[in-house]
Amino acid sequence: MSIHPQIKKVLEIAGEVDTSTKNLDPETFRFNHIQTRSKFDYHLEEIQSIEDITISLPVHKVRIRIYKNDMSTDRPLVMLFHGGGWVVGDLDSEDTTCRSIATRTGAVVISVEYRLSPETGFPGGLEDCYNVMLWAIENCEYLGINPNLIATAGTSAGGNLSGAICILSSKKKHPKISHQALMCPVIDNNFERKSYKLYGTGEYGLSIQKMKWFFKQYLGHNQNNKNPLVYLLQNEDLDNLPSATLVVAEYDCLKDEALEYSTKLSSNGINVSCKIYDGMNHGFNIHLGHVDAAESAIDHVSDRINESFYNNRNF
C-alpha cells in the first residue's frame, strides 16, 4: 500500500525542523531532535508511579526512569533502551512507549539514559544498559521485581541495544532473559540491501546518509569490525537467545535486515514473531496518539512479552 496518511502528517510535522546530518555536529543534531519532538502532542497513558533516579555504575553514574503500574511485588522487569542512532535521546524520548508497556504488562519498566556517541562510543552505551540491568537484579527487592523474568525492548538503535544485550547476556550466561522486542531495529550496515535503495533517500524519514553518520559516531574508525554486538546478523552463537518480536515498517530502509535477522533466529529454533506494518515508516511505533498502528504494535509487543513471562514463570 502507499504510505499511510497518518505517517504523511508525521513527516510533515517533523519536516518543519532540519534534522539532516549535513554539516551538523552532534550537539546541534540533538538540539534539532528535541525541537522536532516538541512539535508532537503525544498521548501519555496514566500510570501509578514514575521515578527518576541516578544510580552509580562501576565507573560513573547513569540516570534511569522507573515505571510501575502494578505496585505489587514479584513483578517482571522490562529494560527499555531509547532510539536515536546512539547519538541522541534521553529519558523523555520514549516516555510514551514505557508507559504503554508498563500498563499492558504490569511489569516494572526501566528506561536507561545511556551515554551517547561520539563522546562515548561503542561499547560504552551498551555497557551502561547491561550494567543497569545488573543493578536492577541486585536491587530486586527495592524495585519489587522478579529477577528471573526480564525482557528487553527498544526502537531503532534501542532495538539494536535490546538485541545486543541478549547476545551479551547469553555469552556471559547471566542474566537469563525471557524476551527481546526489536522495533524497527538496526541490525547491520549493508547499505546495498533493496530496502535501503528504495526507502533510504530521506523521503520516508531515515536515510542512508543518516545511518552512515550514526555508525561513524558510534564506531569511529572501527566500522568494518564486524562485532556481533553491533551487527547482530554476525552472531553465530544463537544458543540460549530468548524469544523475539520484531516490529518492521514497510517504508523503512532497515526493513530487509530486520527480516533477515528474524529468519535467522527462526531457522535456529527461536520463537519469533515478525510483523510488517503496511504504510508505516521507521520509528512509527513511538507516535502513540498520532498513528493508530503504533497502538497496534505496542499491543502486540506487550502480548508477546506477557506470553514469554507466563512461559518462563511456569517453566
Protein backbone atom coordinates (compact mmCIF):
# COMPACT_ATOMS: atom_id res chain seq x y z
CA MET A 1 0.00 0.00 0.00
CA SER A 2 1.07 3.63 -0.27
CA ILE A 3 2.44 5.42 2.75
CA HIS A 4 -0.28 5.96 5.34
CA PRO A 5 -1.87 9.43 5.65
CA GLN A 6 -1.05 9.48 9.36
CA ILE A 7 2.62 8.93 8.52
CA LYS A 8 2.45 11.68 5.90
CA LYS A 9 1.27 14.00 8.65
CA VAL A 10 4.08 12.89 10.98
CA LEU A 11 6.64 13.52 8.25
CA GLU A 12 5.12 16.92 7.58
CA ILE A 13 5.41 17.91 11.25
CA ALA A 14 8.93 16.52 11.57
CA GLY A 15 9.98 18.23 8.35
CA GLU A 16 9.49 21.63 9.94
CA VAL A 17 12.85 21.15 11.69
CA ASP A 18 16.07 20.36 9.84
CA THR A 19 17.30 17.02 11.16
CA SER A 20 19.75 16.28 8.37
CA THR A 21 23.31 15.42 9.33
CA LYS A 22 24.98 17.61 6.69
CA ASN A 23 27.48 19.97 8.32
CA LEU A 24 25.98 19.26 11.74
CA ASP A 25 27.83 18.39 14.92
CA PRO A 26 26.17 16.00 17.39
CA GLU A 27 25.12 18.78 19.78
CA THR A 28 23.28 20.67 17.05
CA PHE A 29 21.70 17.44 15.85
CA ARG A 30 20.50 16.76 19.42
CA PHE A 31 19.03 20.25 19.72
CA ASN A 32 17.14 19.83 16.45
CA HIS A 33 15.94 16.41 17.56
CA ILE A 34 14.44 17.88 20.75
CA GLN A 35 12.83 20.65 18.72
CA THR A 36 11.19 18.07 16.48
CA ARG A 37 9.93 16.05 19.44
CA SER A 38 8.39 19.16 21.00
CA LYS A 39 6.11 19.57 17.98
CA PHE A 40 4.22 16.37 18.79
CA ASP A 41 1.47 16.24 21.38
CA TYR A 42 1.95 12.66 22.48
CA HIS A 43 -0.69 10.63 24.28
CA LEU A 44 0.53 9.90 27.81
CA GLU A 45 -1.15 6.97 29.48
CA GLU A 46 -1.88 7.34 33.18
CA ILE A 47 0.46 5.29 35.33
CA GLN A 48 0.68 4.80 39.08
CA SER A 49 4.36 5.60 39.66
CA ILE A 50 7.21 7.22 37.74
CA GLU A 51 10.53 7.76 39.49
CA ASP A 52 13.71 9.36 38.14
CA ILE A 53 16.87 8.39 39.96
CA THR A 54 20.62 8.46 39.37
CA ILE A 55 22.49 5.25 40.08
CA SER A 56 26.19 4.52 40.41
CA LEU A 57 27.69 2.06 37.96
CA PRO A 58 31.26 0.71 38.21
CA VAL A 59 32.95 3.85 36.82
CA HIS A 60 30.26 6.55 36.51
CA LYS A 61 26.64 7.46 37.17
CA VAL A 62 23.60 6.98 34.95
CA ARG A 63 20.07 8.39 35.11
CA ILE A 64 17.19 5.95 34.87
CA ARG A 65 13.41 6.24 34.98
CA ILE A 66 11.32 3.59 36.73
CA TYR A 67 7.71 2.99 35.66
CA LYS A 68 5.25 1.00 37.74
CA ASN A 69 1.58 0.46 37.08
CA ASP A 70 1.30 -2.54 39.40
CA MET A 71 2.61 -1.82 42.87
CA SER A 72 2.68 -5.45 43.99
CA THR A 73 5.98 -7.30 44.39
CA ASP A 74 7.47 -10.06 42.26
CA ARG A 75 6.73 -8.11 39.06
CA PRO A 76 8.57 -8.84 35.80
CA LEU A 77 11.13 -6.36 34.50
CA VAL A 78 11.29 -4.72 31.07
CA MET A 79 14.51 -2.89 30.20
CA LEU A 80 13.76 -0.17 27.63
CA PHE A 81 16.53 1.42 25.55
CA HIS A 82 15.64 4.54 23.57
CA GLY A 83 16.49 5.08 19.93
CA GLY A 84 18.36 7.94 18.28
CA GLY A 85 21.25 6.39 16.38
CA TRP A 86 23.25 6.06 19.63
CA VAL A 87 23.75 9.84 19.31
CA VAL A 88 20.53 11.47 20.52
CA GLY A 89 17.89 10.66 23.09
CA ASP A 90 17.17 10.85 26.81
CA LEU A 91 14.63 9.67 29.37
CA ASP A 92 11.86 11.59 27.61
CA SER A 93 12.50 10.06 24.19
CA GLU A 94 10.21 7.07 24.60
CA ASP A 95 8.22 8.02 27.66
CA THR A 96 5.02 7.10 25.81
CA THR A 97 6.35 3.63 24.96
CA CYS A 98 7.46 2.99 28.53
CA ARG A 99 4.07 3.98 29.94
CA SER A 100 2.23 1.85 27.42
CA ILE A 101 4.33 -1.27 28.04
CA ALA A 102 4.05 -0.83 31.81
CA THR A 103 0.25 -0.57 31.67
CA ARG A 104 -0.12 -3.51 29.30
CA THR A 105 2.28 -5.92 31.01
CA GLY A 106 2.18 -4.95 34.68
CA ALA A 107 5.97 -5.12 34.57
CA VAL A 108 8.36 -2.63 36.10
CA VAL A 109 9.83 -0.76 33.14
CA ILE A 110 13.27 0.83 33.45
CA SER A 111 14.36 3.37 30.83
CA VAL A 112 18.11 4.00 30.64
CA GLU A 113 19.81 7.28 29.78
CA TYR A 114 22.93 5.56 28.50
CA ARG A 115 26.00 7.52 27.42
CA LEU A 116 25.81 8.81 23.87
CA SER A 117 28.22 8.80 20.95
CA PRO A 118 30.60 10.12 19.78
CA GLU A 119 31.61 11.27 23.29
CA THR A 120 31.26 7.68 24.44
CA GLY A 121 31.42 5.32 21.50
CA PHE A 122 30.84 1.58 21.39
CA PRO A 123 30.74 -0.28 23.72
CA GLY A 124 30.11 2.45 26.34
CA GLY A 125 26.35 2.82 25.85
CA LEU A 126 25.88 -0.93 25.60
CA GLU A 127 27.81 -1.47 28.82
CA ASP A 128 25.60 1.10 30.56
CA CYS A 129 22.47 -0.78 29.50
CA TYR A 130 23.87 -4.11 30.66
CA ASN A 131 25.13 -2.73 33.97
CA VAL A 132 21.81 -1.04 34.74
CA MET A 133 20.14 -4.42 34.20
CA LEU A 134 22.59 -5.99 36.68
CA TRP A 135 21.86 -3.14 39.12
CA ALA A 136 18.13 -3.88 38.82
CA ILE A 137 18.72 -7.55 39.61
CA GLU A 138 20.84 -6.64 42.63
CA ASN A 139 18.11 -4.27 43.80
CA CYS A 140 15.18 -6.55 43.02
CA GLU A 141 13.61 -6.12 46.47
CA TYR A 142 13.71 -2.33 46.24
CA LEU A 143 12.20 -2.45 42.76
CA GLY A 144 9.71 -5.20 43.55
CA ILE A 145 10.80 -7.32 40.60
CA ASN A 146 11.33 -10.99 39.89
CA PRO A 147 14.95 -11.18 38.62
CA ASN A 148 14.12 -14.31 36.64
CA LEU A 149 11.56 -12.54 34.45
CA ILE A 150 13.33 -9.98 32.25
CA ALA A 151 12.62 -8.64 28.78
CA THR A 152 14.49 -6.08 26.72
CA ALA A 153 12.89 -3.63 24.31
CA GLY A 154 13.89 -0.74 22.10
CA THR A 155 13.35 1.15 18.88
CA SER A 156 15.95 1.66 16.13
CA ALA A 157 19.35 1.94 17.86
CA GLY A 158 17.47 0.97 21.02
CA GLY A 159 16.31 -2.16 19.21
CA ASN A 160 19.94 -2.83 18.35
CA LEU A 161 20.87 -2.47 22.04
CA SER A 162 17.96 -4.69 23.04
CA GLY A 163 19.21 -7.48 20.80
CA ALA A 164 22.86 -6.91 21.70
CA ILE A 165 22.09 -7.15 25.42
CA CYS A 166 20.55 -10.57 24.80
CA ILE A 167 23.66 -11.73 22.93
CA LEU A 168 25.92 -10.33 25.65
CA SER A 169 23.87 -11.95 28.41
CA SER A 170 23.98 -15.26 26.57
CA LYS A 171 27.76 -15.07 26.26
CA LYS A 172 28.15 -14.15 29.94
CA LYS A 173 25.48 -16.71 30.91
CA HIS A 174 23.82 -14.05 33.06
CA PRO A 175 21.13 -12.97 33.38
CA LYS A 176 18.55 -15.18 31.72
CA ILE A 177 16.35 -13.01 29.51
CA SER A 178 12.83 -14.12 28.62
CA HIS A 179 12.17 -11.97 25.57
CA GLN A 180 13.58 -9.35 23.21
CA ALA A 181 11.40 -6.77 21.46
CA LEU A 182 13.17 -5.20 18.49
CA MET A 183 11.18 -2.35 16.95
CA CYS A 184 12.46 -1.02 13.61
CA PRO A 185 15.90 -2.21 14.77
CA VAL A 186 19.37 -1.50 13.42
CA ILE A 187 20.78 -4.94 12.62
CA ASP A 188 23.57 -4.46 10.05
CA ASN A 189 25.40 -1.88 7.95
CA ASN A 190 24.97 -3.31 4.47
CA PHE A 191 23.66 -0.30 2.56
CA GLU A 192 23.22 -2.32 -0.63
CA ARG A 193 20.06 -4.04 0.51
CA LYS A 194 16.96 -3.38 -1.56
CA SER A 195 15.09 -1.59 1.25
CA TYR A 196 17.98 0.88 1.61
CA LYS A 197 17.84 1.64 -2.09
CA LEU A 198 14.06 2.03 -2.08
CA TYR A 199 13.49 3.85 1.19
CA GLY A 200 16.86 5.29 2.20
CA THR A 201 16.57 8.55 0.28
CA GLY A 202 15.29 10.56 3.24
CA GLU A 203 11.81 10.89 1.79
CA TYR A 204 10.49 8.49 4.42
CA GLY A 205 12.47 9.86 7.38
CA LEU A 206 15.56 7.74 7.96
CA SER A 207 18.17 7.81 5.18
CA ILE A 208 21.39 6.12 4.13
CA GLN A 209 23.17 9.39 4.86
CA LYS A 210 21.92 9.44 8.44
CA MET A 211 22.72 5.79 9.06
CA LYS A 212 26.29 6.17 7.80
CA TRP A 213 26.67 9.22 10.05
CA PHE A 214 25.26 7.35 13.07
CA PHE A 215 27.61 4.42 12.55
CA LYS A 216 30.55 6.82 12.25
CA GLN A 217 29.64 8.47 15.57
CA TYR A 218 29.12 5.12 17.31
CA LEU A 219 32.10 3.21 15.95
CA GLY A 220 34.62 5.82 14.82
CA HIS A 221 37.16 4.15 12.58
CA ASN A 222 36.13 0.60 13.53
CA GLN A 223 33.05 0.36 11.31
CA ASN A 224 34.39 -2.63 9.41
CA ASN A 225 34.99 -4.65 12.55
CA LYS A 226 32.01 -7.00 12.31
CA ASN A 227 31.33 -7.20 16.03
CA PRO A 228 28.09 -9.16 16.62
CA LEU A 229 27.23 -6.79 19.48
CA VAL A 230 26.80 -4.09 16.81
CA TYR A 231 25.97 -6.10 13.69
CA LEU A 232 23.57 -8.64 15.18
CA LEU A 233 23.45 -10.68 11.97
CA GLN A 234 27.11 -11.59 12.51
CA ASN A 235 26.31 -13.50 15.67
CA GLU A 236 26.62 -17.24 15.06
CA ASP A 237 26.16 -18.35 18.67
CA LEU A 238 22.38 -18.43 18.84
CA ASP A 239 22.14 -20.83 21.76
CA ASN A 240 20.16 -19.55 24.73
CA LEU A 241 18.86 -16.44 22.98
CA PRO A 242 15.33 -15.55 24.10
CA SER A 243 12.17 -15.45 22.05
CA ALA A 244 11.84 -12.35 19.91
CA THR A 245 9.32 -9.92 18.50
CA LEU A 246 10.31 -7.80 15.53
CA VAL A 247 8.25 -4.78 14.54
CA VAL A 248 9.02 -3.86 10.93
CA ALA A 249 7.79 -0.90 8.88
CA GLU A 250 7.05 -1.25 5.17
CA TYR A 251 8.78 2.04 4.25
CA ASP A 252 11.84 1.62 6.49
CA CYS A 253 15.29 1.36 4.92
CA LEU A 254 16.13 -1.09 7.75
CA LYS A 255 13.31 -3.45 6.78
CA ASP A 256 15.34 -6.08 4.93
CA GLU A 257 17.95 -6.56 7.64
CA ALA A 258 15.22 -6.99 10.25
CA LEU A 259 13.50 -9.61 8.12
CA GLU A 260 16.81 -11.39 7.58
CA TYR A 261 17.51 -11.43 11.31
CA SER A 262 14.03 -12.77 12.00
CA THR A 263 14.63 -15.59 9.53
CA LYS A 264 18.00 -16.40 11.08
CA LEU A 265 16.57 -16.59 14.58
CA SER A 266 13.56 -18.63 13.49
CA SER A 267 15.67 -21.08 11.49
CA ASN A 268 17.63 -21.77 14.65
CA GLY A 269 14.56 -22.76 16.60
CA ILE A 270 13.91 -19.45 18.36
CA ASN A 271 10.29 -18.44 18.85
CA VAL A 272 9.95 -15.34 16.65
CA SER A 273 7.06 -13.11 15.69
CA CYS A 274 7.85 -10.68 12.88
CA LYS A 275 5.13 -8.32 11.67
CA ILE A 276 5.41 -5.86 8.80
CA TYR A 277 3.20 -2.82 9.31
CA ASP A 278 1.91 -1.65 5.95
CA GLY A 279 2.19 2.02 5.10
CA MET A 280 4.44 2.75 8.07
CA ASN A 281 7.92 4.29 8.21
CA HIS A 282 10.92 3.99 10.51
CA GLY A 283 10.06 4.54 14.16
CA PHE A 284 6.30 4.80 13.59
CA ASN A 285 5.74 2.86 16.81
CA ILE A 286 6.74 5.77 19.06
CA HIS A 287 3.99 8.02 17.69
CA LEU A 288 1.27 6.93 20.08
CA GLY A 289 -1.74 9.18 19.77
CA HIS A 290 -0.77 10.14 16.21
CA VAL A 291 -0.52 6.79 14.43
CA ASP A 292 -3.06 4.04 15.02
CA ALA A 293 -0.61 1.32 14.02
CA ALA A 294 1.68 2.43 16.85
CA GLU A 295 -1.00 1.31 19.30
CA SER A 296 -1.33 -2.00 17.47
CA ALA A 297 2.43 -2.55 17.53
CA ILE A 298 2.73 -1.84 21.27
CA ASP A 299 -0.25 -4.10 21.95
CA HIS A 300 1.43 -6.91 20.01
CA VAL A 301 4.82 -6.38 21.66
CA SER A 302 3.21 -6.36 25.11
CA ASP A 303 1.25 -9.52 24.38
CA ARG A 304 4.42 -11.28 23.31
CA ILE A 305 6.30 -10.07 26.40
CA ASN A 306 3.44 -11.28 28.62
CA GLU A 307 3.47 -14.64 26.87
CA SER A 308 7.20 -15.04 27.49
CA PHE A 309 6.81 -14.15 31.15
CA TYR A 310 3.98 -16.66 31.53
CA ASN A 311 6.04 -19.40 29.89
CA ASN A 312 9.13 -18.69 31.98
CA ARG A 313 7.24 -18.26 35.25
CA ASN A 314 5.70 -21.67 34.76
CA PHE A 315 8.85 -23.32 33.44
